[in-house]
Each structure stands twice: as structure tokens, then as C-alpha cells.
Amino acid sequence: MISIQKGEDLLSISLSTILSYRKDEPEFQKLVLDWNKKILIEIEDFYPIIIIFNHNEIKFKVIDIDKKVDLKVKMNIYTLLDLAFDRLSPVKAVFQRKLRIKGLLKFGILLKFMKIVLKSMQMVASDPHNNYFELNKEIK
């Protein structure tokens, strides 16, 4: 079973909700269990957040951001939404410099990150009326 930390700020609440959508899926569990990576996501005009994958836990960190992470991903909110709603492919976003990735040569980490986070965002965005967040509740 995977444990996902409840968010306390806008980005961690959003990411927690998105990742919780798939937490009972065997494919998702196989991707996340024992991955042990730190991914920095920086949404321009917001603040950076680190997703910490550690054994069977997913945690978020917004204060005292570590300089040593396995992958850094930077984009603006519009690119994030375009990726979630599948209006823009990750490859095209990188070539258009809308998505900047430090650690791009760590191809295995990048692919796994995309399978975990990007696919989860796309699944939630595909049916937003049924997959929205309500405070103190699971995904509806």
C-alpha cells in the first residue's frame, strides 16, 4: 500500500489529489514502490516543491528545498495545463522551451516521472467533473 502525504499548501494539495487518484492501481504501485527519488517541480510565479518518493511513501516539501534532487522540472502554469489536458506533448514542450528539465540525460528517471505524474494529471483532467478535489474527502 502506498501512503501519500496530505497537502498543506496549494501545490501539495493538488499533487496529493492527483497522485491519490491512482494509488490503488497495481501499475502505479509498481512504478512508485521503492523508487526513492526526489523530484523538484517549479511552477513559474508560484514556488518550488519537491516530491519525495521513498519506499512506499510520497511526501512533499516546500520549505528548505534541497539542492540535491534527482530531476528538476520547470514550467509555467499554462504549460502544466496543456500537458494535463494533452494539448501539448512533453517532447514538443521541451523543444519549444516551455518545459525545462535539468537531468534530461537521466532518461529512466524522466520516463518514470512522466508515467507517474503526467499520466495521473491526464487521467484526472480527462474527467474533471468526477475527479475534482473536496477538502477532507477522497477524490469524488
N, C-alpha and C. Protein backbone atom coordinates (compact mmCIF):
# COMPACT_ATOMS: atom_id res chain seq x y z
N MET A 1 0.84 -1.19 0.00
CA MET A 1 0.00 0.00 0.00
C MET A 1 0.88 1.25 0.00
N ILE A 2 0.49 2.23 -0.75
CA ILE A 2 1.24 3.46 -0.86
C ILE A 2 0.61 4.53 0.02
N SER A 3 1.44 5.25 0.74
CA SER A 3 0.99 6.34 1.60
C SER A 3 1.34 7.65 0.90
N ILE A 4 0.35 8.53 0.76
CA ILE A 4 0.58 9.84 0.14
C ILE A 4 0.25 10.91 1.16
N GLN A 5 1.24 11.75 1.43
CA GLN A 5 1.07 12.82 2.42
C GLN A 5 -0.05 13.76 2.00
N LYS A 6 -0.87 14.15 2.96
CA LYS A 6 -1.90 15.15 2.70
C LYS A 6 -1.22 16.50 2.54
N GLY A 7 -1.64 17.25 1.56
CA GLY A 7 -1.04 18.55 1.31
C GLY A 7 -1.48 19.61 2.30
N GLU A 8 -0.62 20.59 2.48
CA GLU A 8 -0.92 21.71 3.37
C GLU A 8 -0.87 23.04 2.64
N ASP A 9 -0.50 23.05 1.39
CA ASP A 9 -0.42 24.26 0.59
C ASP A 9 -1.02 23.94 -0.78
N LEU A 10 -1.17 24.94 -1.60
CA LEU A 10 -1.85 24.78 -2.89
C LEU A 10 -1.24 23.68 -3.76
N LEU A 11 0.07 23.71 -3.95
CA LEU A 11 0.69 22.73 -4.85
C LEU A 11 0.69 21.32 -4.27
N SER A 12 0.98 21.18 -2.98
CA SER A 12 1.00 19.83 -2.41
C SER A 12 -0.41 19.25 -2.31
N ILE A 13 -1.42 20.07 -2.08
CA ILE A 13 -2.81 19.58 -2.10
C ILE A 13 -3.15 19.09 -3.49
N SER A 14 -2.78 19.87 -4.50
CA SER A 14 -3.07 19.49 -5.89
C SER A 14 -2.35 18.20 -6.27
N LEU A 15 -1.06 18.12 -5.97
CA LEU A 15 -0.29 16.93 -6.33
C LEU A 15 -0.77 15.71 -5.54
N SER A 16 -1.08 15.90 -4.28
CA SER A 16 -1.59 14.79 -3.46
C SER A 16 -2.89 14.25 -4.03
N THR A 17 -3.76 15.14 -4.44
CA THR A 17 -5.04 14.74 -5.02
C THR A 17 -4.84 14.00 -6.34
N ILE A 18 -3.97 14.53 -7.18
CA ILE A 18 -3.69 13.91 -8.48
C ILE A 18 -3.09 12.53 -8.31
N LEU A 19 -2.10 12.40 -7.44
CA LEU A 19 -1.45 11.11 -7.25
C LEU A 19 -2.35 10.11 -6.52
N SER A 20 -3.20 10.60 -5.64
CA SER A 20 -4.12 9.71 -4.91
C SER A 20 -5.14 9.06 -5.84
N TYR A 21 -5.38 9.68 -6.97
CA TYR A 21 -6.34 9.15 -7.93
C TYR A 21 -5.97 7.74 -8.39
N ARG A 22 -4.66 7.46 -8.44
CA ARG A 22 -4.20 6.16 -8.96
C ARG A 22 -3.54 5.28 -7.91
N LYS A 23 -3.54 5.67 -6.66
CA LYS A 23 -2.71 4.98 -5.67
C LYS A 23 -3.07 3.51 -5.47
N ASP A 24 -4.27 3.09 -5.82
CA ASP A 24 -4.66 1.69 -5.66
C ASP A 24 -4.44 0.87 -6.92
N GLU A 25 -3.99 1.50 -8.00
CA GLU A 25 -3.71 0.81 -9.25
C GLU A 25 -2.42 -0.01 -9.13
N PRO A 26 -2.44 -1.28 -9.51
CA PRO A 26 -1.22 -2.09 -9.45
C PRO A 26 -0.07 -1.50 -10.29
N GLU A 27 -0.38 -0.96 -11.47
CA GLU A 27 0.65 -0.37 -12.33
C GLU A 27 1.32 0.82 -11.64
N PHE A 28 0.51 1.66 -11.01
CA PHE A 28 1.01 2.83 -10.30
C PHE A 28 1.89 2.39 -9.11
N GLN A 29 1.41 1.43 -8.36
CA GLN A 29 2.16 0.94 -7.20
C GLN A 29 3.52 0.37 -7.62
N LYS A 30 3.53 -0.36 -8.72
CA LYS A 30 4.77 -0.93 -9.23
C LYS A 30 5.78 0.16 -9.60
N LEU A 31 5.28 1.27 -10.16
CA LEU A 31 6.15 2.39 -10.53
C LEU A 31 6.72 3.10 -9.30
N VAL A 32 5.90 3.26 -8.27
CA VAL A 32 6.26 4.09 -7.13
C VAL A 32 7.03 3.34 -6.04
N LEU A 33 6.67 2.09 -5.78
CA LEU A 33 7.30 1.36 -4.68
C LEU A 33 8.81 1.28 -4.84
N ASP A 34 9.52 1.67 -3.81
CA ASP A 34 10.98 1.62 -3.76
C ASP A 34 11.68 2.42 -4.86
N TRP A 35 11.03 3.46 -5.36
CA TRP A 35 11.68 4.29 -6.38
C TRP A 35 12.76 5.18 -5.74
N ASN A 36 12.48 5.77 -4.58
CA ASN A 36 13.46 6.52 -3.79
C ASN A 36 14.14 7.65 -4.58
N LYS A 37 13.34 8.56 -5.08
CA LYS A 37 13.85 9.71 -5.83
C LYS A 37 13.23 11.00 -5.30
N LYS A 38 13.93 12.11 -5.55
CA LYS A 38 13.42 13.45 -5.22
C LYS A 38 13.30 14.23 -6.52
N ILE A 39 12.10 14.73 -6.77
CA ILE A 39 11.84 15.47 -8.00
C ILE A 39 11.42 16.89 -7.62
N LEU A 40 12.13 17.87 -8.14
CA LEU A 40 11.80 19.27 -7.91
C LEU A 40 10.92 19.76 -9.05
N ILE A 41 9.77 20.27 -8.71
CA ILE A 41 8.88 20.87 -9.70
C ILE A 41 8.77 22.35 -9.37
N GLU A 42 9.07 23.16 -10.37
CA GLU A 42 8.98 24.60 -10.19
C GLU A 42 7.97 25.15 -11.19
N ILE A 43 6.86 25.62 -10.66
CA ILE A 43 5.84 26.27 -11.47
C ILE A 43 6.12 27.77 -11.39
N GLU A 44 6.44 28.39 -12.52
CA GLU A 44 6.77 29.81 -12.53
C GLU A 44 5.65 30.63 -11.91
N ASP A 45 6.03 31.66 -11.18
CA ASP A 45 5.12 32.55 -10.46
C ASP A 45 4.45 31.88 -9.27
N PHE A 46 4.86 30.66 -8.93
CA PHE A 46 4.41 30.01 -7.71
C PHE A 46 5.65 29.81 -6.86
N TYR A 47 5.89 28.63 -6.43
CA TYR A 47 7.05 28.32 -5.61
C TYR A 47 7.47 26.89 -5.92
N PRO A 48 8.72 26.56 -5.65
CA PRO A 48 9.18 25.19 -5.93
C PRO A 48 8.63 24.20 -4.91
N ILE A 49 8.46 22.98 -5.36
CA ILE A 49 8.01 21.90 -4.48
C ILE A 49 8.78 20.65 -4.85
N ILE A 50 9.15 19.90 -3.84
CA ILE A 50 9.84 18.63 -4.08
C ILE A 50 8.87 17.50 -3.78
N ILE A 51 8.77 16.57 -4.71
CA ILE A 51 8.04 15.33 -4.47
C ILE A 51 9.08 14.30 -4.07
N ILE A 52 8.90 13.74 -2.90
CA ILE A 52 9.84 12.75 -2.39
C ILE A 52 9.19 11.38 -2.44
N PHE A 53 9.74 10.52 -3.27
CA PHE A 53 9.30 9.13 -3.36
C PHE A 53 10.27 8.33 -2.50
N ASN A 54 9.78 7.71 -1.45
CA ASN A 54 10.64 6.99 -0.52
C ASN A 54 9.96 5.69 -0.10
N HIS A 55 10.45 4.58 -0.62
CA HIS A 55 9.91 3.24 -0.36
C HIS A 55 8.43 3.20 -0.77
N ASN A 56 7.51 3.25 0.18
CA ASN A 56 6.08 3.20 -0.15
C ASN A 56 5.38 4.50 0.22
N GLU A 57 6.15 5.58 0.35
CA GLU A 57 5.59 6.88 0.72
C GLU A 57 5.87 7.92 -0.35
N ILE A 58 4.92 8.84 -0.47
CA ILE A 58 5.12 10.02 -1.31
C ILE A 58 4.89 11.21 -0.39
N LYS A 59 5.90 12.07 -0.30
CA LYS A 59 5.82 13.26 0.55
C LYS A 59 6.13 14.49 -0.27
N PHE A 60 5.80 15.65 0.29
CA PHE A 60 6.03 16.92 -0.39
C PHE A 60 6.80 17.85 0.54
N LYS A 61 7.68 18.65 -0.07
CA LYS A 61 8.48 19.58 0.71
C LYS A 61 8.49 20.92 -0.01
N VAL A 62 8.11 21.98 0.71
CA VAL A 62 8.12 23.32 0.11
C VAL A 62 9.04 24.28 0.85
N ILE A 63 9.48 23.90 2.03
CA ILE A 63 10.38 24.73 2.83
C ILE A 63 11.73 24.02 2.89
N ASP A 64 12.80 24.79 2.92
CA ASP A 64 14.15 24.23 2.96
C ASP A 64 14.38 23.26 1.80
N ILE A 65 14.17 23.76 0.60
CA ILE A 65 14.31 22.96 -0.60
C ILE A 65 15.74 22.45 -0.74
N ASP A 66 15.88 21.15 -0.92
CA ASP A 66 17.18 20.53 -1.11
C ASP A 66 17.77 20.93 -2.46
N LYS A 67 19.06 21.14 -2.47
CA LYS A 67 19.73 21.44 -3.75
C LYS A 67 20.02 20.16 -4.51
N LYS A 68 20.10 19.05 -3.80
CA LYS A 68 20.41 17.77 -4.46
C LYS A 68 19.11 16.99 -4.69
N VAL A 69 18.66 17.02 -5.93
CA VAL A 69 17.48 16.27 -6.33
C VAL A 69 17.86 15.43 -7.55
N ASP A 70 17.02 14.47 -7.86
CA ASP A 70 17.31 13.59 -8.99
C ASP A 70 16.87 14.17 -10.33
N LEU A 71 15.88 15.08 -10.28
CA LEU A 71 15.35 15.66 -11.52
C LEU A 71 14.72 17.00 -11.18
N LYS A 72 14.95 18.01 -12.04
CA LYS A 72 14.32 19.32 -11.88
C LYS A 72 13.46 19.60 -13.10
N VAL A 73 12.21 19.97 -12.84
CA VAL A 73 11.27 20.26 -13.92
C VAL A 73 10.73 21.66 -13.69
N LYS A 74 10.79 22.51 -14.72
CA LYS A 74 10.33 23.89 -14.60
C LYS A 74 9.41 24.23 -15.77
N MET A 75 8.28 24.85 -15.46
CA MET A 75 7.32 25.26 -16.49
C MET A 75 6.39 26.31 -15.90
N ASN A 76 5.57 26.93 -16.74
CA ASN A 76 4.56 27.83 -16.21
C ASN A 76 3.24 27.07 -16.08
N ILE A 77 2.28 27.69 -15.47
CA ILE A 77 1.00 27.02 -15.19
C ILE A 77 0.26 26.66 -16.48
N TYR A 78 0.43 27.46 -17.52
CA TYR A 78 -0.25 27.18 -18.78
C TYR A 78 0.30 25.92 -19.45
N THR A 79 1.61 25.75 -19.38
CA THR A 79 2.23 24.54 -19.91
C THR A 79 1.77 23.33 -19.12
N LEU A 80 1.70 23.48 -17.80
CA LEU A 80 1.22 22.39 -16.95
C LEU A 80 -0.19 21.96 -17.37
N LEU A 81 -1.06 22.93 -17.58
CA LEU A 81 -2.43 22.62 -18.00
C LEU A 81 -2.47 22.02 -19.40
N ASP A 82 -1.65 22.54 -20.31
CA ASP A 82 -1.60 21.98 -21.66
C ASP A 82 -1.14 20.53 -21.65
N LEU A 83 -0.17 20.22 -20.79
CA LEU A 83 0.29 18.84 -20.66
C LEU A 83 -0.80 17.96 -20.05
N ALA A 84 -1.47 18.47 -19.02
CA ALA A 84 -2.52 17.70 -18.35
C ALA A 84 -3.68 17.40 -19.28
N PHE A 85 -4.07 18.38 -20.08
CA PHE A 85 -5.21 18.19 -20.99
C PHE A 85 -4.78 17.64 -22.35
N ASP A 86 -3.52 17.22 -22.45
CA ASP A 86 -2.97 16.57 -23.64
C ASP A 86 -3.06 17.46 -24.88
N ARG A 87 -2.95 18.78 -24.67
CA ARG A 87 -2.93 19.72 -25.79
C ARG A 87 -1.51 19.96 -26.27
N LEU A 88 -0.53 19.47 -25.48
CA LEU A 88 0.87 19.65 -25.79
C LEU A 88 1.62 18.40 -25.35
N SER A 89 2.46 17.89 -26.21
CA SER A 89 3.25 16.71 -25.83
C SER A 89 4.48 17.18 -25.04
N PRO A 90 4.97 16.35 -24.15
CA PRO A 90 6.17 16.72 -23.39
C PRO A 90 7.38 17.00 -24.29
N VAL A 91 7.53 16.23 -25.36
CA VAL A 91 8.66 16.42 -26.27
C VAL A 91 8.56 17.80 -26.95
N LYS A 92 7.39 18.13 -27.43
CA LYS A 92 7.19 19.42 -28.08
C LYS A 92 7.40 20.57 -27.08
N ALA A 93 6.93 20.37 -25.84
CA ALA A 93 7.11 21.39 -24.81
C ALA A 93 8.59 21.64 -24.53
N VAL A 94 9.39 20.59 -24.51
CA VAL A 94 10.83 20.73 -24.30
C VAL A 94 11.46 21.48 -25.47
N PHE A 95 11.13 21.08 -26.71
CA PHE A 95 11.70 21.74 -27.88
C PHE A 95 11.29 23.21 -27.99
N GLN A 96 10.08 23.53 -27.53
CA GLN A 96 9.62 24.92 -27.56
C GLN A 96 10.10 25.70 -26.33
N ARG A 97 10.87 25.05 -25.47
CA ARG A 97 11.39 25.63 -24.24
C ARG A 97 10.30 26.08 -23.27
N LYS A 98 9.14 25.46 -23.37
CA LYS A 98 8.07 25.71 -22.42
C LYS A 98 8.23 24.83 -21.18
N LEU A 99 8.96 23.74 -21.36
CA LEU A 99 9.24 22.79 -20.30
C LEU A 99 10.76 22.62 -20.24
N ARG A 100 11.33 22.98 -19.09
CA ARG A 100 12.77 22.87 -18.93
C ARG A 100 13.06 21.77 -17.91
N ILE A 101 13.95 20.90 -18.29
CA ILE A 101 14.27 19.75 -17.45
C ILE A 101 15.77 19.70 -17.23
N LYS A 102 16.16 19.73 -15.96
CA LYS A 102 17.57 19.56 -15.62
C LYS A 102 17.72 18.13 -15.14
N GLY A 103 18.56 17.40 -15.83
CA GLY A 103 18.68 15.98 -15.57
C GLY A 103 18.07 15.20 -16.72
N LEU A 104 17.96 15.87 -17.86
CA LEU A 104 17.35 15.27 -19.05
C LEU A 104 18.07 14.00 -19.48
N LEU A 105 19.36 13.92 -19.18
CA LEU A 105 20.12 12.73 -19.55
C LEU A 105 19.80 11.54 -18.65
N LYS A 106 19.13 11.80 -17.55
CA LYS A 106 18.68 10.71 -16.67
C LYS A 106 17.35 10.21 -17.22
N PHE A 107 17.43 9.62 -18.38
CA PHE A 107 16.25 9.26 -19.16
C PHE A 107 15.29 8.33 -18.39
N GLY A 108 15.82 7.37 -17.65
CA GLY A 108 14.98 6.44 -16.90
C GLY A 108 14.16 7.14 -15.84
N ILE A 109 14.78 8.09 -15.14
CA ILE A 109 14.07 8.86 -14.10
C ILE A 109 13.00 9.71 -14.75
N LEU A 110 13.34 10.37 -15.85
CA LEU A 110 12.38 11.22 -16.56
C LEU A 110 11.17 10.42 -17.05
N LEU A 111 11.42 9.27 -17.65
CA LEU A 111 10.31 8.44 -18.14
C LEU A 111 9.39 7.98 -17.01
N LYS A 112 9.99 7.57 -15.90
CA LYS A 112 9.19 7.11 -14.77
C LYS A 112 8.38 8.26 -14.18
N PHE A 113 9.00 9.43 -14.08
CA PHE A 113 8.30 10.63 -13.61
C PHE A 113 7.09 10.92 -14.49
N MET A 114 7.28 10.82 -15.80
CA MET A 114 6.17 11.08 -16.72
C MET A 114 5.06 10.04 -16.56
N LYS A 115 5.44 8.78 -16.37
CA LYS A 115 4.44 7.72 -16.19
C LYS A 115 3.67 7.89 -14.89
N ILE A 116 4.32 8.45 -13.88
CA ILE A 116 3.67 8.62 -12.59
C ILE A 116 2.85 9.91 -12.56
N VAL A 117 3.50 11.05 -12.77
CA VAL A 117 2.85 12.35 -12.57
C VAL A 117 2.05 12.79 -13.79
N LEU A 118 2.67 12.78 -14.96
CA LEU A 118 1.97 13.27 -16.16
C LEU A 118 0.74 12.42 -16.49
N LYS A 119 0.91 11.11 -16.44
CA LYS A 119 -0.22 10.24 -16.73
C LYS A 119 -1.34 10.44 -15.70
N SER A 120 -0.99 10.62 -14.44
CA SER A 120 -2.00 10.86 -13.40
C SER A 120 -2.74 12.17 -13.66
N MET A 121 -2.00 13.23 -14.04
CA MET A 121 -2.65 14.51 -14.35
C MET A 121 -3.61 14.36 -15.52
N GLN A 122 -3.19 13.64 -16.54
CA GLN A 122 -4.04 13.45 -17.72
C GLN A 122 -5.30 12.66 -17.38
N MET A 123 -5.17 11.67 -16.51
CA MET A 123 -6.34 10.87 -16.12
C MET A 123 -7.35 11.71 -15.35
N VAL A 124 -6.86 12.52 -14.42
CA VAL A 124 -7.76 13.38 -13.64
C VAL A 124 -8.39 14.44 -14.56
N ALA A 125 -7.60 15.02 -15.45
CA ALA A 125 -8.09 16.07 -16.35
C ALA A 125 -9.08 15.53 -17.39
N SER A 126 -9.03 14.24 -17.68
CA SER A 126 -9.92 13.68 -18.69
C SER A 126 -11.38 13.70 -18.26
N ASP A 127 -11.63 13.73 -16.96
CA ASP A 127 -13.00 13.78 -16.46
C ASP A 127 -13.04 14.64 -15.21
N PRO A 128 -12.86 15.96 -15.37
CA PRO A 128 -12.74 16.84 -14.21
C PRO A 128 -14.00 16.91 -13.35
N HIS A 129 -15.16 16.59 -13.90
CA HIS A 129 -16.39 16.67 -13.12
C HIS A 129 -16.47 15.55 -12.09
N ASN A 130 -15.85 14.42 -12.38
CA ASN A 130 -15.86 13.31 -11.44
C ASN A 130 -14.59 13.21 -10.62
N ASN A 131 -13.55 13.91 -11.02
CA ASN A 131 -12.25 13.74 -10.37
C ASN A 131 -11.77 14.99 -9.66
N TYR A 132 -12.66 15.83 -9.20
CA TYR A 132 -12.22 17.05 -8.56
C TYR A 132 -11.96 16.83 -7.07
N PHE A 133 -11.35 17.82 -6.45
CA PHE A 133 -10.95 17.70 -5.06
C PHE A 133 -11.96 18.38 -4.15
N GLU A 134 -12.29 17.72 -3.06
CA GLU A 134 -13.08 18.32 -1.99
C GLU A 134 -12.27 18.21 -0.71
N LEU A 135 -12.20 19.27 0.03
CA LEU A 135 -11.43 19.28 1.25
C LEU A 135 -11.89 18.18 2.19
N ASN A 136 -10.94 17.48 2.79
CA ASN A 136 -11.20 16.41 3.76
C ASN A 136 -11.95 15.23 3.18
N LYS A 137 -11.87 15.04 1.88
CA LYS A 137 -12.51 13.90 1.24
C LYS A 137 -11.56 13.32 0.22
N GLU A 138 -11.82 12.10 -0.17
CA GLU A 138 -11.04 11.49 -1.24
C GLU A 138 -11.54 12.08 -2.56
N ILE A 139 -10.94 11.69 -3.64
CA ILE A 139 -11.40 12.16 -4.96
C ILE A 139 -12.81 11.66 -5.16
N LYS A 140 -13.65 12.56 -5.63
CA LYS A 140 -15.06 12.22 -5.82
C LYS A 140 -15.26 11.49 -7.12
